[in-house]
Protein backbone atom coordinates (compact mmCIF):
# COMPACT_ATOMS: atom_id res chain seq x y z
CA MET A 1 -76.39 -140.70 -69.37
CA ARG A 2 -73.69 -141.85 -71.73
CA PHE A 3 -71.38 -142.52 -69.01
CA LEU A 4 -73.86 -144.85 -67.36
CA LEU A 5 -75.02 -146.78 -70.64
CA TYR A 6 -70.93 -147.18 -71.29
CA SER A 7 -70.78 -148.42 -68.11
CA ILE A 8 -73.25 -150.88 -68.09
CA LEU A 9 -72.07 -152.11 -71.22
CA LYS A 10 -68.43 -152.97 -69.75
CA ILE A 11 -70.01 -155.15 -67.25
CA ILE A 12 -70.80 -157.74 -69.92
CA PRO A 13 -67.08 -158.72 -71.04
CA VAL A 14 -65.88 -157.99 -67.16
CA LEU A 15 -68.28 -161.05 -66.30
CA PHE A 16 -67.27 -163.31 -69.21
CA ILE A 17 -63.67 -163.07 -67.97
CA ILE A 18 -64.70 -163.76 -64.46
CA THR A 19 -66.67 -166.63 -65.36
CA PHE A 20 -64.31 -168.00 -67.59
CA ILE A 21 -61.27 -167.68 -64.73
CA VAL A 22 -63.19 -169.30 -62.14
CA PHE A 23 -64.59 -172.09 -64.16
CA PHE A 24 -61.02 -172.83 -65.10
CA LEU A 25 -59.71 -173.08 -61.39
CA VAL A 26 -62.43 -174.38 -59.82
CA ARG A 27 -61.57 -177.46 -61.89
CA LEU A 28 -58.31 -177.51 -60.71
CA THR A 29 -59.28 -177.92 -57.12
CA GLY A 30 -60.11 -181.46 -57.94
CA ASP A 31 -62.74 -183.98 -58.58
CA PRO A 32 -65.89 -183.52 -57.25
CA VAL A 33 -66.97 -187.01 -57.44
CA ALA A 34 -64.56 -188.19 -54.99
CA LEU A 35 -66.62 -186.29 -52.15
CA MET A 36 -69.75 -187.13 -53.93
CA LEU A 37 -69.63 -190.39 -53.65
CA PRO A 38 -68.87 -192.97 -50.14
CA GLU A 39 -65.30 -194.85 -50.61
CA THR A 40 -66.77 -198.10 -51.20
CA ALA A 41 -68.22 -196.91 -54.44
CA THR A 42 -67.28 -198.61 -57.62
CA ASP A 43 -65.30 -197.13 -60.39
CA GLN A 44 -68.26 -197.98 -62.42
CA GLN A 45 -70.37 -196.01 -60.08
CA ARG A 46 -67.88 -193.17 -60.16
CA GLU A 47 -67.46 -193.42 -64.08
CA ASP A 48 -71.36 -192.98 -64.50
CA LEU A 49 -71.54 -190.14 -62.07
CA ARG A 50 -69.02 -188.51 -63.92
CA ASN A 51 -70.90 -188.82 -67.32
CA SER A 52 -74.23 -186.99 -65.74
CA MET A 53 -72.54 -184.60 -64.34
CA GLY A 54 -70.68 -183.88 -67.84
CA LEU A 55 -66.99 -184.30 -66.09
CA ASN A 56 -66.04 -186.48 -68.72
CA ASP A 57 -66.39 -183.92 -71.91
CA PRO A 58 -63.95 -181.85 -72.88
CA VAL A 59 -63.33 -178.37 -70.45
CA TYR A 60 -64.24 -176.20 -73.56
CA ILE A 61 -67.60 -177.90 -73.85
CA GLN A 62 -68.12 -177.92 -70.10
CA TYR A 63 -67.44 -174.05 -70.08
CA PHE A 64 -70.08 -173.51 -73.14
CA THR A 65 -72.75 -175.62 -72.06
CA TYR A 66 -72.08 -173.73 -68.31
CA MET A 67 -72.50 -170.19 -70.32
CA ALA A 68 -75.60 -171.04 -72.19
CA ASP A 69 -76.93 -171.96 -69.13
CA VAL A 70 -75.83 -169.23 -67.27
CA VAL A 71 -77.50 -166.77 -70.02
CA ARG A 72 -80.66 -168.62 -69.08
CA GLY A 73 -80.26 -167.84 -65.09
CA ASP A 74 -79.58 -171.47 -64.78
CA PHE A 75 -76.38 -171.90 -62.39
CA GLY A 76 -76.35 -175.52 -61.85
CA ASP A 77 -77.33 -177.67 -58.93
CA SER A 78 -75.51 -177.93 -55.75
CA PHE A 79 -74.59 -181.27 -54.93
CA ARG A 80 -74.00 -180.85 -51.27
CA TYR A 81 -77.50 -179.47 -50.79
CA ASN A 82 -79.57 -180.92 -53.59
CA GLN A 83 -81.10 -177.29 -54.91
CA PRO A 84 -80.38 -174.60 -57.28
CA ALA A 85 -76.85 -172.83 -56.58
CA ILE A 86 -77.91 -169.57 -56.90
CA ASP A 87 -80.91 -170.31 -54.78
CA ILE A 88 -78.39 -170.92 -51.91
CA VAL A 89 -76.66 -167.81 -52.98
CA LEU A 90 -79.34 -165.86 -52.50
CA GLU A 91 -80.68 -167.17 -49.60
CA ARG A 92 -77.50 -165.75 -47.76
CA LEU A 93 -77.08 -162.82 -49.63
CA PRO A 94 -79.61 -160.72 -47.14
CA ALA A 95 -77.66 -161.48 -43.92
CA SER A 96 -73.92 -160.87 -45.83
CA PHE A 97 -75.64 -157.52 -47.22
CA THR A 98 -77.22 -156.86 -43.72
CA LEU A 99 -73.71 -156.95 -41.92
CA ALA A 100 -71.97 -155.04 -44.43
CA ILE A 101 -74.12 -152.13 -44.40
CA SER A 102 -74.35 -151.83 -40.36
CA SER A 103 -70.30 -151.91 -40.60
CA MET A 104 -70.24 -149.43 -42.73
CA VAL A 105 -72.40 -147.31 -40.67
CA VAL A 106 -70.47 -148.33 -37.79
CA ALA A 107 -67.36 -147.34 -39.98
CA THR A 108 -68.90 -144.09 -40.88
CA LEU A 109 -70.08 -142.80 -37.74
CA ILE A 110 -66.35 -143.10 -36.21
CA ALA A 111 -64.52 -142.20 -39.46
CA ILE A 112 -65.64 -138.95 -40.06
CA PRO A 113 -66.06 -137.14 -37.38
CA ALA A 114 -62.40 -138.52 -36.18
CA GLY A 115 -61.02 -137.65 -39.27
CA ILE A 116 -62.39 -134.01 -39.62
CA TYR A 117 -61.39 -133.84 -35.81
CA SER A 118 -57.90 -135.11 -36.09
CA ALA A 119 -57.12 -132.74 -39.28
CA ILE A 120 -58.43 -129.85 -37.62
CA LYS A 121 -56.17 -130.11 -34.38
CA ARG A 122 -53.42 -131.51 -36.52
CA ASN A 123 -50.40 -131.86 -33.98
CA THR A 124 -52.38 -131.58 -30.81
CA VAL A 125 -53.15 -134.07 -28.01
CA ILE A 126 -56.29 -134.68 -30.07
CA ASP A 127 -54.65 -135.63 -33.12
CA VAL A 128 -52.23 -138.05 -31.31
CA PHE A 129 -54.75 -139.74 -29.40
CA ILE A 130 -57.34 -140.22 -32.46
CA THR A 131 -54.17 -141.24 -34.97
CA GLY A 132 -52.91 -143.73 -32.13
CA GLY A 133 -56.20 -144.81 -32.00
CA SER A 134 -56.42 -145.27 -35.73
CA VAL A 135 -53.33 -147.34 -35.98
CA LEU A 136 -54.57 -149.77 -32.77
CA GLY A 137 -58.08 -150.51 -34.92
CA LYS A 138 -55.98 -151.36 -37.78
CA ALA A 139 -53.36 -153.47 -36.07
CA MET A 140 -56.37 -155.58 -34.18
CA PRO A 141 -57.06 -158.61 -35.90
CA ASN A 142 -60.60 -158.70 -36.36
CA PHE A 143 -61.13 -162.40 -35.03
CA TRP A 144 -59.41 -161.38 -31.78
CA LEU A 145 -61.56 -158.17 -31.21
CA GLY A 146 -64.59 -160.43 -32.19
CA ILE A 147 -63.51 -162.46 -29.41
CA MET A 148 -62.96 -159.96 -26.80
CA LEU A 149 -66.62 -158.12 -27.66
CA ILE A 150 -68.31 -161.45 -27.08
CA LEU A 151 -66.35 -162.02 -23.70
CA LEU A 152 -67.07 -158.57 -22.43
CA PHE A 153 -70.39 -157.84 -23.84
CA ALA A 154 -72.17 -161.25 -24.33
CA VAL A 155 -70.60 -163.30 -21.34
CA GLN A 156 -69.61 -160.84 -18.56
CA VAL A 157 -72.32 -158.00 -19.22
CA ARG A 158 -74.79 -160.26 -20.97
CA ILE A 159 -76.42 -157.16 -23.13
CA PHE A 160 -75.98 -159.09 -26.59
CA PRO A 161 -75.81 -162.77 -27.46
CA VAL A 162 -73.24 -164.61 -27.87
CA SER A 163 -73.44 -165.26 -31.80
CA GLY A 164 -76.28 -165.93 -34.34
CA SER A 165 -78.63 -163.75 -36.49
CA GLY A 166 -82.15 -162.63 -36.70
CA THR A 167 -82.35 -159.65 -34.39
CA LEU A 168 -80.93 -156.29 -34.25
CA MET A 169 -79.09 -157.30 -30.85
CA HIS A 170 -77.02 -159.92 -33.35
CA LEU A 171 -76.11 -157.42 -35.34
CA VAL A 172 -74.10 -154.81 -32.74
CA LEU A 173 -71.27 -157.16 -32.11
CA PRO A 174 -70.30 -158.28 -35.89
CA SER A 175 -70.80 -154.90 -36.78
CA ILE A 176 -68.52 -153.47 -34.52
CA THR A 177 -66.05 -155.88 -35.11
CA LEU A 178 -66.07 -155.23 -39.15
CA GLY A 179 -66.55 -151.58 -38.35
CA THR A 180 -63.84 -150.98 -36.48
CA ALA A 181 -60.95 -151.63 -38.99
CA ILE A 182 -62.93 -150.00 -41.67
CA ALA A 183 -63.06 -146.82 -39.56
CA ALA A 184 -59.26 -146.91 -38.88
CA GLU A 185 -58.49 -146.62 -42.53
CA MET A 186 -60.75 -144.29 -43.69
CA THR A 187 -59.89 -141.82 -40.22
CA ARG A 188 -56.33 -141.93 -41.83
CA LEU A 189 -57.52 -141.20 -45.26
CA ILE A 190 -59.88 -138.76 -43.94
CA ARG A 191 -57.14 -136.95 -41.97
CA SER A 192 -55.26 -137.12 -44.79
CA SER A 193 -57.15 -135.42 -47.22
CA MET A 194 -58.89 -132.82 -45.03
CA LEU A 195 -55.23 -131.61 -44.51
CA GLU A 196 -54.34 -131.21 -48.16
CA VAL A 197 -58.08 -129.51 -48.75
CA LEU A 198 -57.93 -127.04 -45.81
CA ASN A 199 -53.91 -125.67 -47.41
CA MET A 200 -55.87 -124.85 -50.48
CA GLU A 201 -56.22 -121.17 -52.06
CA TYR A 202 -60.16 -121.45 -52.05
CA ILE A 203 -59.86 -122.09 -48.23
CA ARG A 204 -57.87 -119.46 -47.37
CA THR A 205 -59.99 -117.01 -49.17
CA ALA A 206 -62.94 -118.30 -47.39
CA ARG A 207 -61.38 -117.96 -44.10
CA SER A 208 -59.97 -114.37 -45.01
CA LYS A 209 -63.95 -113.48 -45.32
CA GLY A 210 -64.25 -113.76 -41.71
CA LEU A 211 -66.23 -116.93 -42.02
CA ARG A 212 -66.75 -119.15 -39.30
CA GLU A 213 -64.12 -122.26 -39.11
CA MET A 214 -67.20 -124.87 -38.83
CA PHE A 215 -69.06 -123.17 -41.71
CA VAL A 216 -65.48 -123.26 -43.76
CA VAL A 217 -64.90 -127.19 -43.18
CA ASN A 218 -68.52 -128.71 -43.42
CA LYS A 219 -69.17 -126.26 -46.17
CA HIS A 220 -66.30 -125.80 -48.47
CA ALA A 221 -63.86 -128.52 -47.66
CA LEU A 222 -65.46 -131.76 -46.37
CA ARG A 223 -67.30 -132.23 -49.88
CA ASN A 224 -64.10 -132.17 -51.65
CA ALA A 225 -62.13 -134.52 -49.10
CA LEU A 226 -64.82 -137.10 -49.10
CA ILE A 227 -64.03 -137.65 -52.76
CA PRO A 228 -60.97 -140.71 -52.12
CA VAL A 229 -63.07 -141.84 -48.89
CA VAL A 230 -66.00 -143.07 -51.37
CA THR A 231 -63.73 -145.66 -53.41
CA ILE A 232 -62.58 -147.06 -50.34
CA MET A 233 -66.31 -147.27 -49.02
CA ALA A 234 -67.41 -148.37 -52.08
CA LEU A 235 -64.99 -151.35 -52.03
CA GLN A 236 -65.13 -152.18 -48.69
CA THR A 237 -68.73 -152.53 -48.78
CA ALA A 238 -68.40 -155.03 -51.63
CA THR A 239 -65.66 -156.78 -50.22
CA LEU A 240 -68.00 -157.01 -47.08
CA ILE A 241 -70.74 -158.42 -48.60
CA GLY A 242 -68.29 -161.09 -50.67
CA GLY A 243 -67.72 -162.76 -47.57
CA THR A 244 -65.93 -162.04 -44.25
CA LEU A 245 -65.28 -165.50 -43.27
CA ILE A 246 -63.43 -164.79 -39.98
CA THR A 247 -65.94 -162.49 -38.47
CA GLU A 248 -68.65 -164.56 -39.52
CA THR A 249 -67.24 -167.84 -38.06
CA VAL A 250 -66.60 -166.16 -34.96
CA PHE A 251 -70.53 -164.89 -34.56
CA SER A 252 -72.04 -167.97 -36.71
CA TRP A 253 -73.19 -165.22 -39.01
CA PRO A 254 -75.04 -167.19 -41.91
CA GLY A 255 -73.32 -165.14 -44.94
CA MET A 256 -71.75 -165.79 -48.09
CA GLY A 257 -68.50 -166.35 -47.09
CA GLN A 258 -69.10 -169.15 -44.63
CA LEU A 259 -70.95 -170.44 -47.95
CA LEU A 260 -68.16 -170.02 -50.39
CA VAL A 261 -65.23 -171.56 -47.71
CA GLN A 262 -67.57 -174.75 -47.25
CA ALA A 263 -68.32 -174.56 -51.56
CA VAL A 264 -64.77 -174.74 -51.76
CA ASN A 265 -63.55 -177.09 -49.44
CA THR A 266 -66.41 -179.50 -50.71
CA ARG A 267 -65.66 -178.43 -54.48
CA ASP A 268 -69.59 -178.13 -54.60
CA MET A 269 -68.78 -176.15 -58.05
CA ALA A 270 -72.02 -175.04 -59.10
CA VAL A 271 -72.06 -172.81 -55.69
CA VAL A 272 -68.77 -171.54 -56.13
CA GLN A 273 -69.49 -170.33 -59.37
CA ALA A 274 -72.94 -168.51 -58.55
CA ALA A 275 -71.26 -167.22 -55.45
CA THR A 276 -68.48 -165.73 -57.63
CA PHE A 277 -70.69 -164.21 -60.23
CA ILE A 278 -72.57 -162.43 -57.52
CA ILE A 279 -69.93 -161.05 -55.76
CA ALA A 280 -68.42 -159.88 -58.83
CA ILE A 281 -71.94 -158.14 -59.78
CA LEU A 282 -71.56 -156.46 -56.43
CA VAL A 283 -68.33 -155.08 -57.22
CA ILE A 284 -69.12 -153.89 -60.53
CA LEU A 285 -72.25 -152.13 -59.31
CA SER A 286 -70.41 -150.84 -56.11
CA ASN A 287 -67.64 -149.15 -58.56
CA LEU A 288 -70.16 -147.52 -60.56
CA LEU A 289 -71.84 -146.21 -57.90
CA ALA A 290 -68.45 -144.53 -56.49
CA ASP A 291 -68.19 -143.02 -59.95
CA LEU A 292 -71.79 -141.52 -59.69
CA THR A 293 -70.94 -140.23 -56.46
CA TYR A 294 -67.81 -138.41 -57.33
CA ARG A 295 -69.72 -136.67 -59.88
CA TYR A 296 -72.17 -135.41 -57.09
CA LEU A 297 -69.47 -134.54 -55.10
CA ASP A 298 -67.26 -132.84 -57.38
CA PRO A 299 -69.30 -131.76 -60.45
CA ARG A 300 -66.32 -130.62 -62.61
CA ILE A 301 -65.75 -134.33 -63.02
CA LYS A 302 -67.11 -135.30 -66.78
CA TYR A 303 -66.81 -138.90 -67.58
CA ASP A 304 -68.79 -138.18 -71.09
CA ASP A 305 -65.79 -136.07 -72.19
């Protein structure tokens, strides 16, 4: 309980640092007024708009004003969409969350059995095949795999839609595209972690008692071998929610990745700041979830000490 309370309290300074860095970096990208008004706008019109947006105030005044609004839940309005920035970001969040979770499910379904089997069958043809497959999965660029899947399963066979969102069928190809690369990394990690655990004394003791190999693996080895994998899963899930621009572009998926890049290109400062704030919270919560999972997998870990 003390660990959980301490972790929650740590979120406040982390978010403060993130908002500080993003606020100043966004203002280094250029003057948003140049994109908001037509080229025929007069200098007076540009100056009036800057005054109305507070851009002529000293930067530190702008920052304190911004933070005062953020505390009240106001991230400002998007000049491109002409509505609250936080509403725009939250509209895209479910699509990104759905894609991230489905991709992680695909990766887990592939990686856990492949990694375990590769470790059990070490230095066999099966091990070489799985290891080679994980290297291939890691080496394939997401955009190339996505395009290949579209050409094969959407254009030639016509099982899945080419792009878009809204149904379960729209989710399959982008999930496989993202899940493949994650599965490749997780497979190698699970294999090496399983090999280390399988060589430990308590595993040899369990085997010497005549227990079945699958029981030893599932009951004694897998739980400890999954601890480092939890870190990868937590970080990858947060990254996926934060934005996977290339895959979202290939499949026209309306996620936060597309939104964030469009906002940066159009200098839509309010949307950039709101999106990075939400992504930061998701990353922090993912890490907290990973720490709590550690304790479940290995009760010997005591964060309260």
